Amino acid sequence: MVRNFREEDEGKHVRTSEGDMVGTIESVSGSSAHVRPDEDLSRSTRRRLGWTEEGEETYEIRKSHVEQISDDEIHLKKDF
């Protein structure tokens, strides 16, 4: 089971299970984190993540979406 997000996770890169860069953690609060999407994030990846609203500065991810939290990156589960 993945741990809750911590302050030290802010600034970490978020990647898909395939290794594609999604964005960077802006803020955390227990079991959720807010991600600022990468400028080059494709529309298809945005749709897959459910980030379809244009103009949002950050999008929420929950710890249930996370496969692994390493020292410098957060990896999302394959089914997210």
PDB file of N, CA and C in Angstrom:
ATOM      1  N   MET A   1       0.840  -1.175   0.000  1.00  0.00           N
ATOM      2  CA  MET A   1       0.000   0.000   0.000  1.00  0.00           C
ATOM      3  C   MET A   1       0.891   1.246   0.000  1.00  0.00           C
ATOM      4  N   VAL A   2       0.505   2.212  -0.777  1.00  0.00           N
ATOM      5  CA  VAL A   2       1.257   3.454  -0.900  1.00  0.00           C
ATOM      6  C   VAL A   2       0.937   4.363   0.284  1.00  0.00           C
ATOM      7  N   ARG A   3       1.950   5.061   0.765  1.00  0.00           N
ATOM      8  CA  ARG A   3       1.769   5.977   1.893  1.00  0.00           C
ATOM      9  C   ARG A   3       1.020   7.228   1.460  1.00  0.00           C
ATOM     10  N   ASN A   4       0.538   8.001   2.429  1.00  0.00           N
ATOM     11  CA  ASN A   4      -0.062   9.301   2.140  1.00  0.00           C
ATOM     12  C   ASN A   4       1.008  10.229   1.578  1.00  0.00           C
ATOM     13  N   PHE A   5       0.568  11.256   0.882  1.00  0.00           N
ATOM     14  CA  PHE A   5       1.492  12.264   0.380  1.00  0.00           C
ATOM     15  C   PHE A   5       2.037  13.074   1.549  1.00  0.00           C
ATOM     16  N   ARG A   6       3.275  13.555   1.379  1.00  0.00           N
ATOM     17  CA  ARG A   6       3.924  14.379   2.403  1.00  0.00           C
ATOM     18  C   ARG A   6       4.418  15.667   1.766  1.00  0.00           C
ATOM     19  N   GLU A   7       4.715  16.656   2.616  1.00  0.00           N
ATOM     20  CA  GLU A   7       5.225  17.933   2.118  1.00  0.00           C
ATOM     21  C   GLU A   7       6.439  17.755   1.220  1.00  0.00           C
ATOM     22  N   GLU A   8       7.307  16.817   1.548  1.00  0.00           N
ATOM     23  CA  GLU A   8       8.524  16.613   0.756  1.00  0.00           C
ATOM     24  C   GLU A   8       8.229  16.065  -0.646  1.00  0.00           C
ATOM     25  N   ASP A   9       6.978  15.674  -0.911  1.00  0.00           N
ATOM     26  CA  ASP A   9       6.596  15.231  -2.251  1.00  0.00           C
ATOM     27  C   ASP A   9       6.350  16.416  -3.188  1.00  0.00           C
ATOM     28  N   GLU A  10       6.152  17.599  -2.630  1.00  0.00           N
ATOM     29  CA  GLU A  10       5.937  18.780  -3.463  1.00  0.00           C
ATOM     30  C   GLU A  10       7.175  19.016  -4.329  1.00  0.00           C
ATOM     31  N   GLY A  11       6.940  19.253  -5.607  1.00  0.00           N
ATOM     32  CA  GLY A  11       8.033  19.451  -6.558  1.00  0.00           C
ATOM     33  C   GLY A  11       8.444  18.191  -7.292  1.00  0.00           C
ATOM     34  N   LYS A  12       7.955  17.032  -6.856  1.00  0.00           N
ATOM     35  CA  LYS A  12       8.304  15.779  -7.537  1.00  0.00           C
ATOM     36  C   LYS A  12       7.562  15.678  -8.862  1.00  0.00           C
ATOM     37  N   HIS A  13       8.199  15.014  -9.820  1.00  0.00           N
ATOM     38  CA  HIS A  13       7.579  14.761 -11.113  1.00  0.00           C
ATOM     39  C   HIS A  13       6.609  13.596 -10.998  1.00  0.00           C
ATOM     40  N   VAL A  14       5.523  13.665 -11.751  1.00  0.00           N
ATOM     41  CA  VAL A  14       4.519  12.603 -11.800  1.00  0.00           C
ATOM     42  C   VAL A  14       4.604  11.972 -13.186  1.00  0.00           C
ATOM     43  N   ARG A  15       4.664  10.644 -13.236  1.00  0.00           N
ATOM     44  CA  ARG A  15       4.775   9.916 -14.501  1.00  0.00           C
ATOM     45  C   ARG A  15       3.696   8.842 -14.605  1.00  0.00           C
ATOM     46  N   THR A  16       3.298   8.559 -15.843  1.00  0.00           N
ATOM     47  CA  THR A  16       2.369   7.463 -16.089  1.00  0.00           C
ATOM     48  C   THR A  16       3.101   6.145 -15.880  1.00  0.00           C
ATOM     49  N   SER A  17       2.374   5.055 -15.917  1.00  0.00           N
ATOM     50  CA  SER A  17       3.002   3.738 -15.772  1.00  0.00           C
ATOM     51  C   SER A  17       3.940   3.441 -16.939  1.00  0.00           C
ATOM     52  N   GLU A  18       3.733   4.131 -18.069  1.00  0.00           N
ATOM     53  CA  GLU A  18       4.604   3.957 -19.234  1.00  0.00           C
ATOM     54  C   GLU A  18       5.831   4.874 -19.179  1.00  0.00           C
ATOM     55  N   GLY A  19       5.903   5.734 -18.160  1.00  0.00           N
ATOM     56  CA  GLY A  19       7.043   6.617 -17.988  1.00  0.00           C
ATOM     57  C   GLY A  19       6.885   8.003 -18.584  1.00  0.00           C
ATOM     58  N   ASP A  20       5.702   8.315 -19.130  1.00  0.00           N
ATOM     59  CA  ASP A  20       5.468   9.641 -19.698  1.00  0.00           C
ATOM     60  C   ASP A  20       5.295  10.670 -18.587  1.00  0.00           C
ATOM     61  N   MET A  21       5.919  11.825 -18.762  1.00  0.00           N
ATOM     62  CA  MET A  21       5.827  12.917 -17.797  1.00  0.00           C
ATOM     63  C   MET A  21       4.423  13.515 -17.837  1.00  0.00           C
ATOM     64  N   VAL A  22       3.791  13.610 -16.672  1.00  0.00           N
ATOM     65  CA  VAL A  22       2.445  14.153 -16.549  1.00  0.00           C
ATOM     66  C   VAL A  22       2.489  15.585 -16.026  1.00  0.00           C
ATOM     67  N   GLY A  23       3.294  15.814 -14.989  1.00  0.00           N
ATOM     68  CA  GLY A  23       3.374  17.126 -14.390  1.00  0.00           C
ATOM     69  C   GLY A  23       4.184  17.094 -13.110  1.00  0.00           C
ATOM     70  N   THR A  24       3.973  18.100 -12.273  1.00  0.00           N
ATOM     71  CA  THR A  24       4.724  18.259 -11.032  1.00  0.00           C
ATOM     72  C   THR A  24       3.762  18.497  -9.875  1.00  0.00           C
ATOM     73  N   ILE A  25       4.054  17.880  -8.733  1.00  0.00           N
ATOM     74  CA  ILE A  25       3.235  18.068  -7.540  1.00  0.00           C
ATOM     75  C   ILE A  25       3.379  19.506  -7.049  1.00  0.00           C
ATOM     76  N   GLU A  26       2.254  20.196  -6.943  1.00  0.00           N
ATOM     77  CA  GLU A  26       2.229  21.578  -6.448  1.00  0.00           C
ATOM     78  C   GLU A  26       1.953  21.633  -4.954  1.00  0.00           C
ATOM     79  N   SER A  27       0.984  20.834  -4.499  1.00  0.00           N
ATOM     80  CA  SER A  27       0.630  20.831  -3.082  1.00  0.00           C
ATOM     81  C   SER A  27       0.082  19.464  -2.706  1.00  0.00           C
ATOM     82  N   VAL A  28       0.153  19.157  -1.420  1.00  0.00           N
ATOM     83  CA  VAL A  28      -0.313  17.862  -0.928  1.00  0.00           C
ATOM     84  C   VAL A  28      -1.203  18.064   0.292  1.00  0.00           C
ATOM     85  N   SER A  29      -2.088  17.087   0.496  1.00  0.00           N
ATOM     86  CA  SER A  29      -2.952  17.099   1.664  1.00  0.00           C
ATOM     87  C   SER A  29      -3.382  15.668   1.962  1.00  0.00           C
ATOM     88  N   GLY A  30      -2.609  14.984   2.777  1.00  0.00           N
ATOM     89  CA  GLY A  30      -2.952  13.622   3.172  1.00  0.00           C
ATOM     90  C   GLY A  30      -2.981  12.649   2.012  1.00  0.00           C
ATOM     91  N   SER A  31      -4.175  12.193   1.643  1.00  0.00           N
ATOM     92  CA  SER A  31      -4.297  11.174   0.602  1.00  0.00           C
ATOM     93  C   SER A  31      -4.476  11.759  -0.795  1.00  0.00           C
ATOM     94  N   SER A  32      -4.333  13.085  -0.944  1.00  0.00           N
ATOM     95  CA  SER A  32      -4.455  13.685  -2.271  1.00  0.00           C
ATOM     96  C   SER A  32      -3.337  14.682  -2.517  1.00  0.00           C
ATOM     97  N   ALA A  33      -3.081  14.916  -3.805  1.00  0.00           N
ATOM     98  CA  ALA A  33      -2.069  15.885  -4.218  1.00  0.00           C
ATOM     99  C   ALA A  33      -2.598  16.621  -5.432  1.00  0.00           C
ATOM    100  N   HIS A  34      -2.129  17.841  -5.615  1.00  0.00           N
ATOM    101  CA  HIS A  34      -2.510  18.634  -6.774  1.00  0.00           C
ATOM    102  C   HIS A  34      -1.315  18.743  -7.706  1.00  0.00           C
ATOM    103  N   VAL A  35      -1.566  18.394  -8.961  1.00  0.00           N
ATOM    104  CA  VAL A  35      -0.510  18.312  -9.969  1.00  0.00           C
ATOM    105  C   VAL A  35      -0.684  19.435 -10.987  1.00  0.00           C
ATOM    106  N   ARG A  36       0.409  20.165 -11.233  1.00  0.00           N
ATOM    107  CA  ARG A  36       0.424  21.142 -12.328  1.00  0.00           C
ATOM    108  C   ARG A  36       0.835  20.361 -13.570  1.00  0.00           C
ATOM    109  N   PRO A  37      -0.047  20.283 -14.584  1.00  0.00           N
ATOM    110  CA  PRO A  37       0.264  19.474 -15.766  1.00  0.00           C
ATOM    111  C   PRO A  37       1.453  20.028 -16.549  1.00  0.00           C
ATOM    112  N   ASP A  38       2.209  19.125 -17.143  1.00  0.00           N
ATOM    113  CA  ASP A  38       3.318  19.482 -18.009  1.00  0.00           C
ATOM    114  C   ASP A  38       2.773  20.197 -19.244  1.00  0.00           C
ATOM    115  N   GLU A  39       3.462  21.215 -19.705  1.00  0.00           N
ATOM    116  CA  GLU A  39       3.003  21.986 -20.866  1.00  0.00           C
ATOM    117  C   GLU A  39       2.835  21.123 -22.108  1.00  0.00           C
ATOM    118  N   ASP A  40       3.632  20.066 -22.227  1.00  0.00           N
ATOM    119  CA  ASP A  40       3.596  19.211 -23.410  1.00  0.00           C
ATOM    120  C   ASP A  40       2.699  17.986 -23.261  1.00  0.00           C
ATOM    121  N   LEU A  41       1.885  17.961 -22.209  1.00  0.00           N
ATOM    122  CA  LEU A  41       1.011  16.809 -21.967  1.00  0.00           C
ATOM    123  C   LEU A  41      -0.006  16.689 -23.097  1.00  0.00           C
ATOM    124  N   SER A  42      -0.053  15.536 -23.716  1.00  0.00           N
ATOM    125  CA  SER A  42      -0.935  15.336 -24.872  1.00  0.00           C
ATOM    126  C   SER A  42      -2.405  15.290 -24.466  1.00  0.00           C
ATOM    127  N   ARG A  43      -3.269  15.596 -25.425  1.00  0.00           N
ATOM    128  CA  ARG A  43      -4.715  15.537 -25.177  1.00  0.00           C
ATOM    129  C   ARG A  43      -5.163  14.126 -24.820  1.00  0.00           C
ATOM    130  N   SER A  44      -4.574  13.117 -25.467  1.00  0.00           N
ATOM    131  CA  SER A  44      -4.983  11.739 -25.185  1.00  0.00           C
ATOM    132  C   SER A  44      -4.628  11.351 -23.743  1.00  0.00           C
ATOM    133  N   THR A  45      -3.467  11.780 -23.272  1.00  0.00           N
ATOM    134  CA  THR A  45      -3.101  11.491 -21.883  1.00  0.00           C
ATOM    135  C   THR A  45      -4.001  12.259 -20.933  1.00  0.00           C
ATOM    136  N   ARG A  46      -4.304  13.516 -21.252  1.00  0.00           N
ATOM    137  CA  ARG A  46      -5.231  14.297 -20.423  1.00  0.00           C
ATOM    138  C   ARG A  46      -6.581  13.588 -20.307  1.00  0.00           C
ATOM    139  N   ARG A  47      -7.102  13.083 -21.432  1.00  0.00           N
ATOM    140  CA  ARG A  47      -8.387  12.373 -21.415  1.00  0.00           C
ATOM    141  C   ARG A  47      -8.311  11.130 -20.553  1.00  0.00           C
ATOM    142  N   ARG A  48      -7.225  10.378 -20.699  1.00  0.00           N
ATOM    143  CA  ARG A  48      -7.066   9.141 -19.929  1.00  0.00           C
ATOM    144  C   ARG A  48      -7.038   9.427 -18.432  1.00  0.00           C
ATOM    145  N   LEU A  49      -6.443  10.570 -18.041  1.00  0.00           N
ATOM    146  CA  LEU A  49      -6.370  10.947 -16.634  1.00  0.00           C
ATOM    147  C   LEU A  49      -7.645  11.623 -16.133  1.00  0.00           C
ATOM    148  N   GLY A  50      -8.551  11.957 -17.060  1.00  0.00           N
ATOM    149  CA  GLY A  50      -9.776  12.650 -16.689  1.00  0.00           C
ATOM    150  C   GLY A  50      -9.574  14.143 -16.529  1.00  0.00           C
ATOM    151  N   TRP A  51      -8.478  14.655 -17.057  1.00  0.00           N
ATOM    152  CA  TRP A  51      -8.152  16.071 -16.961  1.00  0.00           C
ATOM    153  C   TRP A  51      -8.601  16.788 -18.223  1.00  0.00           C
ATOM    154  N   THR A  52      -9.882  16.811 -18.460  1.00  0.00           N
ATOM    155  CA  THR A  52     -10.402  17.343 -19.719  1.00  0.00           C
ATOM    156  C   THR A  52     -10.832  18.794 -19.639  1.00  0.00           C
ATOM    157  N   GLU A  53     -11.009  19.333 -18.440  1.00  0.00           N
ATOM    158  CA  GLU A  53     -11.403  20.739 -18.317  1.00  0.00           C
ATOM    159  C   GLU A  53     -10.220  21.624 -18.666  1.00  0.00           C
ATOM    160  N   GLU A  54     -10.400  22.479 -19.648  1.00  0.00           N
ATOM    161  CA  GLU A  54      -9.344  23.399 -20.062  1.00  0.00           C
ATOM    162  C   GLU A  54      -9.217  24.527 -19.053  1.00  0.00           C
ATOM    163  N   GLY A  55      -8.027  25.046 -18.904  1.00  0.00           N
ATOM    164  CA  GLY A  55      -7.808  26.215 -18.074  1.00  0.00           C
ATOM    165  C   GLY A  55      -7.547  25.934 -16.605  1.00  0.00           C
ATOM    166  N   GLU A  56      -7.618  24.694 -16.184  1.00  0.00           N
ATOM    167  CA  GLU A  56      -7.330  24.364 -14.791  1.00  0.00           C
ATOM    168  C   GLU A  56      -5.819  24.446 -14.563  1.00  0.00           C
ATOM    169  N   GLU A  57      -5.416  25.056 -13.451  1.00  0.00           N
ATOM    170  CA  GLU A  57      -3.991  25.165 -13.145  1.00  0.00           C
ATOM    171  C   GLU A  57      -3.437  23.882 -12.560  1.00  0.00           C
ATOM    172  N   THR A  58      -4.246  23.195 -11.738  1.00  0.00           N
ATOM    173  CA  THR A  58      -3.825  21.930 -11.140  1.00  0.00           C
ATOM    174  C   THR A  58      -4.973  20.929 -11.193  1.00  0.00           C
ATOM    175  N   TYR A  59      -4.610  19.658 -11.107  1.00  0.00           N
ATOM    176  CA  TYR A  59      -5.582  18.569 -11.084  1.00  0.00           C
ATOM    177  C   TYR A  59      -5.237  17.652  -9.925  1.00  0.00           C
ATOM    178  N   GLU A  60      -6.264  17.064  -9.329  1.00  0.00           N
ATOM    179  CA  GLU A  60      -6.069  16.217  -8.160  1.00  0.00           C
ATOM    180  C   GLU A  60      -5.747  14.776  -8.556  1.00  0.00           C
ATOM    181  N   ILE A  61      -4.808  14.196  -7.818  1.00  0.00           N
ATOM    182  CA  ILE A  61      -4.614  12.752  -7.845  1.00  0.00           C
ATOM    183  C   ILE A  61      -4.737  12.267  -6.407  1.00  0.00           C
ATOM    184  N   ARG A  62      -5.189  11.039  -6.250  1.00  0.00           N
ATOM    185  CA  ARG A  62      -5.347  10.440  -4.930  1.00  0.00           C
ATOM    186  C   ARG A  62      -4.306   9.332  -4.783  1.00  0.00           C
ATOM    187  N   LYS A  63      -3.995   9.006  -3.565  1.00  0.00           N
ATOM    188  CA  LYS A  63      -2.988   7.966  -3.346  1.00  0.00           C
ATOM    189  C   LYS A  63      -3.422   6.632  -3.955  1.00  0.00           C
ATOM    190  N   SER A  64      -4.720   6.432  -4.132  1.00  0.00           N
ATOM    191  CA  SER A  64      -5.212   5.196  -4.757  1.00  0.00           C
ATOM    192  C   SER A  64      -4.837   5.122  -6.240  1.00  0.00           C
ATOM    193  N   HIS A  65      -4.443   6.246  -6.843  1.00  0.00           N
ATOM    194  CA  HIS A  65      -4.004   6.285  -8.238  1.00  0.00           C
ATOM    195  C   HIS A  65      -2.511   5.987  -8.389  1.00  0.00           C
ATOM    196  N   VAL A  66      -1.803   5.930  -7.267  1.00  0.00           N
ATOM    197  CA  VAL A  66      -0.340   5.865  -7.280  1.00  0.00           C
ATOM    198  C   VAL A  66       0.152   4.434  -7.088  1.00  0.00           C
ATOM    199  N   GLU A  67       1.082   4.053  -7.948  1.00  0.00           N
ATOM    200  CA  GLU A  67       1.745   2.748  -7.846  1.00  0.00           C
ATOM    201  C   GLU A  67       2.928   2.836  -6.882  1.00  0.00           C
ATOM    202  N   GLN A  68       3.720   3.915  -7.016  1.00  0.00           N
ATOM    203  CA  GLN A  68       4.948   4.023  -6.231  1.00  0.00           C
ATOM    204  C   GLN A  68       5.339   5.488  -6.042  1.00  0.00           C
ATOM    205  N   ILE A  69       5.880   5.788  -4.860  1.00  0.00           N
ATOM    206  CA  ILE A  69       6.465   7.098  -4.587  1.00  0.00           C
ATOM    207  C   ILE A  69       7.942   6.868  -4.299  1.00  0.00           C
ATOM    208  N   SER A  70       8.802   7.415  -5.172  1.00  0.00           N
ATOM    209  CA  SER A  70      10.244   7.263  -4.976  1.00  0.00           C
ATOM    210  C   SER A  70      10.815   8.569  -4.434  1.00  0.00           C
ATOM    211  N   ASP A  71      12.127   8.638  -4.342  1.00  0.00           N
ATOM    212  CA  ASP A  71      12.776   9.841  -3.815  1.00  0.00           C
ATOM    213  C   ASP A  71      12.522  11.074  -4.667  1.00  0.00           C
ATOM    214  N   ASP A  72      12.391  10.903  -5.997  1.00  0.00           N
ATOM    215  CA  ASP A  72      12.215  12.075  -6.862  1.00  0.00           C
ATOM    216  C   ASP A  72      11.042  12.004  -7.821  1.00  0.00           C
ATOM    217  N   GLU A  73      10.287  10.921  -7.817  1.00  0.00           N
ATOM    218  CA  GLU A  73       9.159  10.807  -8.748  1.00  0.00           C
ATOM    219  C   GLU A  73       7.990  10.060  -8.126  1.00  0.00           C
ATOM    220  N   ILE A  74       6.821  10.293  -8.723  1.00  0.00           N
ATOM    221  CA  ILE A  74       5.615   9.573  -8.353  1.00  0.00           C
ATOM    222  C   ILE A  74       5.110   8.875  -9.604  1.00  0.00           C
ATOM    223  N   HIS A  75       4.900   7.571  -9.521  1.00  0.00           N
ATOM    224  CA  HIS A  75       4.467   6.773 -10.663  1.00  0.00           C
ATOM    225  C   HIS A  75       3.015   6.359 -10.482  1.00  0.00           C
ATOM    226  N   LEU A  76       2.208   6.667 -11.479  1.00  0.00           N
ATOM    227  CA  LEU A  76       0.791   6.331 -11.435  1.00  0.00           C
ATOM    228  C   LEU A  76       0.559   4.881 -11.801  1.00  0.00           C
ATOM    229  N   LYS A  77      -0.564   4.334 -11.345  1.00  0.00           N
ATOM    230  CA  LYS A  77      -0.944   2.956 -11.687  1.00  0.00           C
ATOM    231  C   LYS A  77      -1.301   2.865 -13.160  1.00  0.00           C
ATOM    232  N   LYS A  78      -1.171   1.679 -13.690  1.00  0.00           N
ATOM    233  CA  LYS A  78      -1.447   1.455 -15.111  1.00  0.00           C
ATOM    234  C   LYS A  78      -2.908   1.739 -15.453  1.00  0.00           C
ATOM    235  N   ASP A  79      -3.834   1.434 -14.560  1.00  0.00           N
ATOM    236  CA  ASP A  79      -5.256   1.602 -14.860  1.00  0.00           C
ATOM    237  C   ASP A  79      -5.775   3.000 -14.572  1.00  0.00           C
ATOM    238  N   PHE A  80      -4.873   3.937 -14.268  1.00  0.00           N
ATOM    239  CA  PHE A  80      -5.324   5.316 -14.042  1.00  0.00           C
ATOM    240  C   PHE A  80      -5.081   6.136 -15.266  1.00  0.00           C
TER     241      PHE A  80
END
